Amino acid sequence: MANHKHPQGERSGDRIAKLLARAGVASRREVERMIEAGRIKIDGEVVKTPATLLESLKGVTVDDSPVGKPERTRLFRFHKPGGLLTAERDFSGRPTIYTALRNALPKDTPRLMPVGRLDMNTEGLLLLTNDGELKRAMELPSSNIERTYRARTFGDVTQEQLEELIHGVTVDGVRYGKIDANLERRTGRNQWIELTLTEGKNREVRRVLEHLGLKVNRLIRTAYGPFVLGDLARGQADELKKHELQPFESQLKRAGLL
């Protein structure tokens, strides 16, 4: 195996898990599981550790199939409707985002991975990429990428109560970081609230609003970092242009996240 070195020696190249993620094989975590399962080989020899260093993916196979050269990084927007799982498959047969994406994307689109998740009943902007490293960087809490949501709620709340969320809040023992929340408009006891946060913990927006005594009856993500839902129709997807993606990638690289 002349084309790779183990981490004990002089370090060179990148970790195999990082290279395979960048090539769109799977996320880095999934690649590590594939290595544990013995599915990845170099020149016919099973890779034992995700710390294996490589200069390139030459000679690397996944399930005995050669890995192609990494495609350029691509990022897509999808307007996720409610009622779809952010998952590749669901063993109980519930519909997933991939069911809708089959109709929304061109046939030659590469394998895409969702950046983060949206709950089954949450709608709005879901980003998808073919690059596992970009996915990972955008999901890291340390990247501090803002996500913006609009929530339609029922109940009584004041702008003052919402402003308290800027200091963070603890709900059922879970600490949530600062949330910038604003009352948009009210009709009787129904109101739309806009919330911007950087953590995106599981069901964070719903839990925080329920903690304030509100019932959330609709939740829409409108932005993730610099990328916005805009007027993208429900159930539709499109690809972000290079000039929209590159400044953001450069920012992540400067921060040491890519």
C-alpha atoms as a PDB file:
ATOM      1  CA  MET A   1       0.000   0.000   0.000  1.00  0.00           C
ATOM      2  CA  ALA A   2       2.473   2.555  -1.188  1.00  0.00           C
ATOM      3  CA  ASN A   3       0.025   5.391  -1.553  1.00  0.00           C
ATOM      4  CA  HIS A   4      -0.890   5.859   2.114  1.00  0.00           C
ATOM      5  CA  LYS A   5       0.803   6.340   5.435  1.00  0.00           C
ATOM      6  CA  HIS A   6      -0.319   5.515   8.934  1.00  0.00           C
ATOM      7  CA  PRO A   7      -0.563   8.280  11.510  1.00  0.00           C
ATOM      8  CA  GLN A   8       2.370   6.950  13.566  1.00  0.00           C
ATOM      9  CA  GLY A   9       4.859   7.981  10.868  1.00  0.00           C
ATOM     10  CA  GLU A  10       5.483  11.342   9.278  1.00  0.00           C
ATOM     11  CA  ARG A  11       2.059  12.938   8.773  1.00  0.00           C
ATOM     12  CA  SER A  12       1.094  13.678   5.198  1.00  0.00           C
ATOM     13  CA  GLY A  13      -2.145  13.997   3.300  1.00  0.00           C
ATOM     14  CA  ASP A  14      -5.614  13.920   4.826  1.00  0.00           C
ATOM     15  CA  ARG A  15      -7.497  11.368   6.883  1.00  0.00           C
ATOM     16  CA  ILE A  16      -9.317   8.847   4.710  1.00  0.00           C
ATOM     17  CA  ALA A  17     -12.648   9.622   6.428  1.00  0.00           C
ATOM     18  CA  LYS A  18     -12.286  13.309   5.514  1.00  0.00           C
ATOM     19  CA  LEU A  19     -11.375  12.542   1.876  1.00  0.00           C
ATOM     20  CA  LEU A  20     -14.285  10.111   1.450  1.00  0.00           C
ATOM     21  CA  ALA A  21     -16.684  12.633   3.006  1.00  0.00           C
ATOM     22  CA  ARG A  22     -15.403  15.311   0.627  1.00  0.00           C
ATOM     23  CA  ALA A  23     -15.941  12.878  -2.281  1.00  0.00           C
ATOM     24  CA  GLY A  24     -19.599  12.566  -1.257  1.00  0.00           C
ATOM     25  CA  VAL A  25     -19.429   8.893  -0.219  1.00  0.00           C
ATOM     26  CA  ALA A  26     -21.077   9.681   3.120  1.00  0.00           C
ATOM     27  CA  SER A  27     -20.682  11.986   6.107  1.00  0.00           C
ATOM     28  CA  ARG A  28     -17.429  11.580   8.036  1.00  0.00           C
ATOM     29  CA  ARG A  29     -19.236   9.790  10.882  1.00  0.00           C
ATOM     30  CA  GLU A  30     -20.890   7.355   8.457  1.00  0.00           C
ATOM     31  CA  VAL A  31     -17.515   6.719   6.765  1.00  0.00           C
ATOM     32  CA  GLU A  32     -16.041   5.849  10.175  1.00  0.00           C
ATOM     33  CA  ARG A  33     -18.841   3.299  10.662  1.00  0.00           C
ATOM     34  CA  MET A  34     -18.147   1.867   7.187  1.00  0.00           C
ATOM     35  CA  ILE A  35     -14.460   1.458   8.121  1.00  0.00           C
ATOM     36  CA  GLU A  36     -15.459  -0.352  11.341  1.00  0.00           C
ATOM     37  CA  ALA A  37     -17.596  -2.691   9.228  1.00  0.00           C
ATOM     38  CA  GLY A  38     -14.606  -3.461   6.949  1.00  0.00           C
ATOM     39  CA  ARG A  39     -16.306  -2.028   3.844  1.00  0.00           C
ATOM     40  CA  ILE A  40     -13.427   0.229   2.784  1.00  0.00           C
ATOM     41  CA  LYS A  41     -10.173  -1.050   1.262  1.00  0.00           C
ATOM     42  CA  ILE A  42      -6.981   0.377  -0.227  1.00  0.00           C
ATOM     43  CA  ASP A  43      -5.439  -1.750  -2.986  1.00  0.00           C
ATOM     44  CA  GLY A  44      -7.568  -4.676  -1.777  1.00  0.00           C
ATOM     45  CA  GLU A  45      -6.494  -4.388   1.866  1.00  0.00           C
ATOM     46  CA  VAL A  46      -9.140  -3.559   4.504  1.00  0.00           C
ATOM     47  CA  VAL A  47      -8.669  -0.140   6.127  1.00  0.00           C
ATOM     48  CA  LYS A  48      -8.441  -0.548   9.913  1.00  0.00           C
ATOM     49  CA  THR A  49      -8.605   3.073  11.110  1.00  0.00           C
ATOM     50  CA  PRO A  50     -10.230   6.351   9.990  1.00  0.00           C
ATOM     51  CA  ALA A  51      -6.929   8.021  10.932  1.00  0.00           C
ATOM     52  CA  THR A  52      -5.239   6.473   7.860  1.00  0.00           C
ATOM     53  CA  LEU A  53      -3.609   9.299   5.896  1.00  0.00           C
ATOM     54  CA  LEU A  54      -3.857   9.575   2.111  1.00  0.00           C
ATOM     55  CA  GLU A  55      -2.685  11.972  -0.565  1.00  0.00           C
ATOM     56  CA  SER A  56      -5.532  10.868  -2.876  1.00  0.00           C
ATOM     57  CA  LEU A  57      -8.308   8.295  -3.180  1.00  0.00           C
ATOM     58  CA  LYS A  58      -6.382   6.274  -5.784  1.00  0.00           C
ATOM     59  CA  GLY A  59      -6.866   2.545  -5.110  1.00  0.00           C
ATOM     60  CA  VAL A  60      -9.642   3.135  -2.550  1.00  0.00           C
ATOM     61  CA  THR A  61     -12.783   1.022  -2.852  1.00  0.00           C
ATOM     62  CA  VAL A  62     -16.097   1.051  -0.984  1.00  0.00           C
ATOM     63  CA  ASP A  63     -17.847  -2.347  -1.052  1.00  0.00           C
ATOM     64  CA  ASP A  64     -15.212  -3.298  -3.674  1.00  0.00           C
ATOM     65  CA  SER A  65     -16.270  -0.456  -6.024  1.00  0.00           C
ATOM     66  CA  PRO A  66     -13.648   2.189  -6.871  1.00  0.00           C
ATOM     67  CA  VAL A  67     -14.290   5.668  -5.496  1.00  0.00           C
ATOM     68  CA  GLY A  68     -14.581   8.324  -8.188  1.00  0.00           C
ATOM     69  CA  LYS A  69     -12.772  11.641  -8.067  1.00  0.00           C
ATOM     70  CA  PRO A  70     -14.423  14.193  -5.797  1.00  0.00           C
ATOM     71  CA  GLU A  71     -16.939  16.345  -7.636  1.00  0.00           C
ATOM     72  CA  ARG A  72     -16.908  20.076  -7.066  1.00  0.00           C
ATOM     73  CA  THR A  73     -18.789  21.071  -3.940  1.00  0.00           C
ATOM     74  CA  ARG A  74     -22.452  21.719  -4.639  1.00  0.00           C
ATOM     75  CA  LEU A  75     -25.201  23.076  -2.412  1.00  0.00           C
ATOM     76  CA  PHE A  76     -28.948  22.920  -3.042  1.00  0.00           C
ATOM     77  CA  ARG A  77     -31.961  24.583  -1.434  1.00  0.00           C
ATOM     78  CA  PHE A  78     -35.115  22.558  -0.821  1.00  0.00           C
ATOM     79  CA  HIS A  79     -38.439  23.921   0.430  1.00  0.00           C
ATOM     80  CA  LYS A  80     -39.383  21.023   2.677  1.00  0.00           C
ATOM     81  CA  PRO A  81     -43.114  20.512   3.129  1.00  0.00           C
ATOM     82  CA  GLY A  82     -44.478  19.370   6.491  1.00  0.00           C
ATOM     83  CA  GLY A  83     -45.034  15.631   6.928  1.00  0.00           C
ATOM     84  CA  LEU A  84     -41.670  14.477   5.516  1.00  0.00           C
ATOM     85  CA  LEU A  85     -38.837  12.915   7.505  1.00  0.00           C
ATOM     86  CA  THR A  86     -35.306  14.271   7.065  1.00  0.00           C
ATOM     87  CA  ALA A  87     -33.914  10.771   6.566  1.00  0.00           C
ATOM     88  CA  GLU A  88     -32.839   8.533   3.726  1.00  0.00           C
ATOM     89  CA  ARG A  89     -35.282   5.794   4.588  1.00  0.00           C
ATOM     90  CA  ASP A  90     -37.848   5.059   7.261  1.00  0.00           C
ATOM     91  CA  PHE A  91     -38.463   1.467   8.226  1.00  0.00           C
ATOM     92  CA  SER A  92     -42.072   2.171   9.206  1.00  0.00           C
ATOM     93  CA  GLY A  93     -42.750   3.454   5.688  1.00  0.00           C
ATOM     94  CA  ARG A  94     -43.273   7.154   6.397  1.00  0.00           C
ATOM     95  CA  PRO A  95     -42.444   9.484   3.471  1.00  0.00           C
ATOM     96  CA  THR A  96     -38.987  11.086   3.493  1.00  0.00           C
ATOM     97  CA  ILE A  97     -37.487  14.167   1.850  1.00  0.00           C
ATOM     98  CA  TYR A  98     -35.925  11.890  -0.792  1.00  0.00           C
ATOM     99  CA  THR A  99     -39.406  10.932  -2.019  1.00  0.00           C
ATOM    100  CA  ALA A 100     -40.053  14.604  -2.845  1.00  0.00           C
ATOM    101  CA  LEU A 101     -36.510  15.307  -4.062  1.00  0.00           C
ATOM    102  CA  ARG A 102     -36.777  12.648  -6.781  1.00  0.00           C
ATOM    103  CA  ASN A 103     -39.314  14.890  -8.515  1.00  0.00           C
ATOM    104  CA  ALA A 104     -37.705  18.212  -7.578  1.00  0.00           C
ATOM    105  CA  LEU A 105     -34.116  17.604  -8.788  1.00  0.00           C
ATOM    106  CA  PRO A 106     -32.625  16.814 -12.213  1.00  0.00           C
ATOM    107  CA  LYS A 107     -31.910  13.099 -12.807  1.00  0.00           C
ATOM    108  CA  ASP A 108     -28.109  13.608 -12.931  1.00  0.00           C
ATOM    109  CA  THR A 109     -27.917  15.233  -9.477  1.00  0.00           C
ATOM    110  CA  PRO A 110     -25.220  13.570  -7.303  1.00  0.00           C
ATOM    111  CA  ARG A 111     -26.014  11.882  -3.972  1.00  0.00           C
ATOM    112  CA  LEU A 112     -27.012  14.647  -1.569  1.00  0.00           C
ATOM    113  CA  MET A 113     -26.860  14.788   2.212  1.00  0.00           C
ATOM    114  CA  PRO A 114     -29.037  17.139   4.285  1.00  0.00           C
ATOM    115  CA  VAL A 115     -27.285  19.856   6.285  1.00  0.00           C
ATOM    116  CA  GLY A 116     -28.836  19.438   9.719  1.00  0.00           C
ATOM    117  CA  ARG A 117     -32.418  18.301  10.101  1.00  0.00           C
ATOM    118  CA  LEU A 118     -35.920  19.644  10.143  1.00  0.00           C
ATOM    119  CA  ASP A 119     -38.509  17.844  12.287  1.00  0.00           C
ATOM    120  CA  MET A 120     -41.182  15.920  10.402  1.00  0.00           C
ATOM    121  CA  ASN A 121     -43.764  18.692  10.873  1.00  0.00           C
ATOM    122  CA  THR A 122     -41.365  21.620  10.332  1.00  0.00           C
ATOM    123  CA  GLU A 123     -41.373  23.239   6.902  1.00  0.00           C
ATOM    124  CA  GLY A 124     -39.051  25.515   5.013  1.00  0.00           C
ATOM    125  CA  LEU A 125     -35.405  25.748   4.031  1.00  0.00           C
ATOM    126  CA  LEU A 126     -33.381  22.545   4.049  1.00  0.00           C
ATOM    127  CA  LEU A 127     -29.915  22.710   2.506  1.00  0.00           C
ATOM    128  CA  LEU A 128     -28.420  19.623   0.840  1.00  0.00           C
ATOM    129  CA  THR A 129     -24.850  19.030  -0.332  1.00  0.00           C
ATOM    130  CA  ASN A 130     -22.742  16.363  -2.023  1.00  0.00           C
ATOM    131  CA  ASP A 131     -19.782  17.305   0.234  1.00  0.00           C
ATOM    132  CA  GLY A 132     -19.682  15.592   3.647  1.00  0.00           C
ATOM    133  CA  GLU A 133     -17.033  18.017   4.913  1.00  0.00           C
ATOM    134  CA  LEU A 134     -19.162  21.070   4.113  1.00  0.00           C
ATOM    135  CA  LYS A 135     -22.138  19.362   5.797  1.00  0.00           C
ATOM    136  CA  ARG A 136     -20.063  18.729   8.930  1.00  0.00           C
ATOM    137  CA  ALA A 137     -18.676  22.285   9.045  1.00  0.00           C
ATOM    138  CA  MET A 138     -22.159  23.795   8.714  1.00  0.00           C
ATOM    139  CA  GLU A 139     -23.560  21.572  11.478  1.00  0.00           C
ATOM    140  CA  LEU A 140     -20.775  22.174  14.040  1.00  0.00           C
ATOM    141  CA  PRO A 141     -22.005  24.264  17.006  1.00  0.00           C
ATOM    142  CA  SER A 142     -18.637  26.110  16.917  1.00  0.00           C
ATOM    143  CA  SER A 143     -19.462  27.453  13.446  1.00  0.00           C
ATOM    144  CA  ASN A 144     -22.145  29.713  15.034  1.00  0.00           C
ATOM    145  CA  ILE A 145     -24.209  29.763  11.837  1.00  0.00           C
ATOM    146  CA  GLU A 146     -27.527  31.538  12.341  1.00  0.00           C
ATOM    147  CA  ARG A 147     -30.813  29.813  11.514  1.00  0.00           C
ATOM    148  CA  THR A 148     -34.006  31.857  11.276  1.00  0.00           C
ATOM    149  CA  TYR A 149     -37.528  30.498  11.810  1.00  0.00           C
ATOM    150  CA  ARG A 150     -41.062  31.859  11.709  1.00  0.00           C
ATOM    151  CA  ALA A 151     -43.482  30.249  14.157  1.00  0.00           C
ATOM    152  CA  ARG A 152     -47.259  30.621  14.189  1.00  0.00           C
ATOM    153  CA  THR A 153     -48.314  30.230  17.800  1.00  0.00           C
ATOM    154  CA  PHE A 154     -51.434  30.316  19.935  1.00  0.00           C
ATOM    155  CA  GLY A 155     -51.458  31.750  23.457  1.00  0.00           C
ATOM    156  CA  ASP A 156     -50.401  34.873  25.293  1.00  0.00           C
ATOM    157  CA  VAL A 157     -46.876  36.267  25.109  1.00  0.00           C
ATOM    158  CA  THR A 158     -45.306  39.728  25.217  1.00  0.00           C
ATOM    159  CA  GLN A 159     -42.344  41.155  23.307  1.00  0.00           C
ATOM    160  CA  GLU A 160     -40.653  41.621  26.721  1.00  0.00           C
ATOM    161  CA  GLN A 161     -40.916  37.860  27.425  1.00  0.00           C
ATOM    162  CA  LEU A 162     -39.477  37.078  23.998  1.00  0.00           C
ATOM    163  CA  GLU A 163     -36.602  39.517  24.549  1.00  0.00           C
ATOM    164  CA  GLU A 164     -35.605  37.599  27.688  1.00  0.00           C
ATOM    165  CA  LEU A 165     -34.619  34.690  25.404  1.00  0.00           C
ATOM    166  CA  ILE A 166     -31.554  36.665  24.297  1.00  0.00           C
ATOM    167  CA  HIS A 167     -29.969  35.519  27.601  1.00  0.00           C
ATOM    168  CA  GLY A 168     -30.699  31.851  26.868  1.00  0.00           C
ATOM    169  CA  VAL A 169     -33.126  29.634  28.764  1.00  0.00           C
ATOM    170  CA  THR A 170     -33.156  26.254  30.519  1.00  0.00           C
ATOM    171  CA  VAL A 171     -36.108  23.954  29.733  1.00  0.00           C
ATOM    172  CA  ASP A 172     -36.434  20.567  31.482  1.00  0.00           C
ATOM    173  CA  GLY A 173     -32.743  20.609  32.373  1.00  0.00           C
ATOM    174  CA  VAL A 174     -31.575  21.445  28.819  1.00  0.00           C
ATOM    175  CA  ARG A 175     -29.764  24.766  28.380  1.00  0.00           C
ATOM    176  CA  TYR A 176     -30.539  26.666  25.166  1.00  0.00           C
ATOM    177  CA  GLY A 177     -28.254  29.514  24.058  1.00  0.00           C
ATOM    178  CA  LYS A 178     -29.342  33.008  23.061  1.00  0.00           C
ATOM    179  CA  ILE A 179     -32.364  33.374  20.803  1.00  0.00           C
ATOM    180  CA  ASP A 180     -33.267  36.659  19.134  1.00  0.00           C
ATOM    181  CA  ALA A 181     -37.091  36.557  19.087  1.00  0.00           C
ATOM    182  CA  ASN A 182     -39.528  39.173  17.806  1.00  0.00           C
ATOM    183  CA  LEU A 183     -43.300  39.372  17.693  1.00  0.00           C
ATOM    184  CA  GLU A 184     -44.227  39.905  14.045  1.00  0.00           C
ATOM    185  CA  ARG A 185     -47.990  40.258  14.061  1.00  0.00           C
ATOM    186  CA  ARG A 186     -50.920  39.235  16.203  1.00  0.00           C
ATOM    187  CA  THR A 187     -54.531  38.301  15.471  1.00  0.00           C
ATOM    188  CA  GLY A 188     -56.380  37.700  18.740  1.00  0.00           C
ATOM    189  CA  ARG A 189     -54.379  35.047  20.622  1.00  0.00           C
ATOM    190  CA  ASN A 190     -52.585  33.867  17.466  1.00  0.00           C
ATOM    191  CA  GLN A 191     -49.251  35.417  16.560  1.00  0.00           C
ATOM    192  CA  TRP A 192     -46.306  34.968  14.229  1.00  0.00           C
ATOM    193  CA  ILE A 193     -42.902  35.090  15.935  1.00  0.00           C
ATOM    194  CA  GLU A 194     -39.533  35.297  14.164  1.00  0.00           C
ATOM    195  CA  LEU A 195     -36.609  33.602  15.933  1.00  0.00           C
ATOM    196  CA  THR A 196     -32.900  33.550  15.080  1.00  0.00           C
ATOM    197  CA  LEU A 197     -30.548  31.134  16.849  1.00  0.00           C
ATOM    198  CA  THR A 198     -27.172  29.485  16.262  1.00  0.00           C
ATOM    199  CA  GLU A 199     -27.440  26.173  18.139  1.00  0.00           C
ATOM    200  CA  GLY A 200     -30.306  24.331  16.508  1.00  0.00           C
ATOM    201  CA  LYS A 201     -30.655  21.665  19.210  1.00  0.00           C
ATOM    202  CA  ASN A 202     -33.307  18.990  18.725  1.00  0.00           C
ATOM    203  CA  ARG A 203     -36.804  20.598  18.697  1.00  0.00           C
ATOM    204  CA  GLU A 204     -35.292  23.763  20.221  1.00  0.00           C
ATOM    205  CA  VAL A 205     -37.771  26.326  18.856  1.00  0.00           C
ATOM    206  CA  ARG A 206     -40.847  24.267  19.763  1.00  0.00           C
ATOM    207  CA  ARG A 207     -39.578  23.495  23.273  1.00  0.00           C
ATOM    208  CA  VAL A 208     -38.660  27.092  24.065  1.00  0.00           C
ATOM    209  CA  LEU A 209     -41.985  28.478  22.811  1.00  0.00           C
ATOM    210  CA  GLU A 210     -43.961  25.773  24.637  1.00  0.00           C
ATOM    211  CA  HIS A 211     -42.006  26.702  27.770  1.00  0.00           C
ATOM    212  CA  LEU A 212     -43.494  30.218  27.373  1.00  0.00           C
ATOM    213  CA  GLY A 213     -46.979  28.662  27.343  1.00  0.00           C
ATOM    214  CA  LEU A 214     -47.495  28.854  23.586  1.00  0.00           C
ATOM    215  CA  LYS A 215     -48.847  26.181  21.268  1.00  0.00           C
ATOM    216  CA  VAL A 216     -46.836  26.019  18.026  1.00  0.00           C
ATOM    217  CA  ASN A 217     -49.134  25.184  15.119  1.00  0.00           C
ATOM    218  CA  ARG A 218     -46.760  25.983  12.256  1.00  0.00           C
ATOM    219  CA  LEU A 219     -42.967  26.277  12.065  1.00  0.00           C
ATOM    220  CA  ILE A 220     -41.035  27.385   8.976  1.00  0.00           C
ATOM    221  CA  ARG A 221     -37.262  27.774   8.621  1.00  0.00           C
ATOM    222  CA  THR A 222     -36.611  30.816   6.441  1.00  0.00           C
ATOM    223  CA  ALA A 223     -32.797  31.059   6.496  1.00  0.00           C
ATOM    224  CA  TYR A 224     -29.651  29.040   7.249  1.00  0.00           C
ATOM    225  CA  GLY A 225     -26.536  31.215   7.311  1.00  0.00           C
ATOM    226  CA  PRO A 226     -26.562  33.516   4.266  1.00  0.00           C
ATOM    227  CA  PHE A 227     -28.962  31.240   2.354  1.00  0.00           C
ATOM    228  CA  VAL A 228     -32.661  32.138   2.393  1.00  0.00           C
ATOM    229  CA  LEU A 229     -35.865  30.353   1.445  1.00  0.00           C
ATOM    230  CA  GLY A 230     -37.119  33.407  -0.450  1.00  0.00           C
ATOM    231  CA  ASP A 231     -39.885  32.578  -2.929  1.00  0.00           C
ATOM    232  CA  LEU A 232     -38.780  28.976  -3.574  1.00  0.00           C
ATOM    233  CA  ALA A 233     -42.082  27.095  -3.935  1.00  0.00           C
ATOM    234  CA  ARG A 234     -43.073  24.390  -1.456  1.00  0.00           C
ATOM    235  CA  GLY A 235     -41.667  20.982  -2.526  1.00  0.00           C
ATOM    236  CA  GLN A 236     -39.236  22.584  -5.007  1.00  0.00           C
ATOM    237  CA  ALA A 237     -35.422  22.545  -5.017  1.00  0.00           C
ATOM    238  CA  ASP A 238     -32.718  24.516  -6.793  1.00  0.00           C
ATOM    239  CA  GLU A 239     -28.927  24.706  -6.843  1.00  0.00           C
ATOM    240  CA  LEU A 240     -27.037  27.649  -5.409  1.00  0.00           C
ATOM    241  CA  LYS A 241     -24.675  29.287  -7.869  1.00  0.00           C
ATOM    242  CA  LYS A 242     -20.891  29.132  -7.419  1.00  0.00           C
ATOM    243  CA  HIS A 243     -20.707  32.855  -6.671  1.00  0.00           C
ATOM    244  CA  GLU A 244     -23.281  32.380  -3.856  1.00  0.00           C
ATOM    245  CA  LEU A 245     -21.444  29.434  -2.297  1.00  0.00           C
ATOM    246  CA  GLN A 246     -17.776  30.389  -2.640  1.00  0.00           C
ATOM    247  CA  PRO A 247     -17.683  33.422  -0.270  1.00  0.00           C
ATOM    248  CA  PHE A 248     -19.360  31.259   2.404  1.00  0.00           C
ATOM    249  CA  GLU A 249     -16.872  28.392   1.865  1.00  0.00           C
ATOM    250  CA  SER A 250     -13.985  30.885   2.110  1.00  0.00           C
ATOM    251  CA  GLN A 251     -15.399  32.164   5.406  1.00  0.00           C
ATOM    252  CA  LEU A 252     -15.532  28.598   6.818  1.00  0.00           C
ATOM    253  CA  LYS A 253     -11.945  27.954   5.632  1.00  0.00           C
ATOM    254  CA  ARG A 254     -10.693  31.153   7.275  1.00  0.00           C
ATOM    255  CA  ALA A 255     -12.335  30.016  10.523  1.00  0.00           C
ATOM    256  CA  GLY A 256     -10.510  26.665  10.232  1.00  0.00           C
ATOM    257  CA  LEU A 257     -13.790  24.751   9.896  1.00  0.00           C
ATOM    258  CA  LEU A 258     -13.142  23.388   6.370  1.00  0.00           C
END
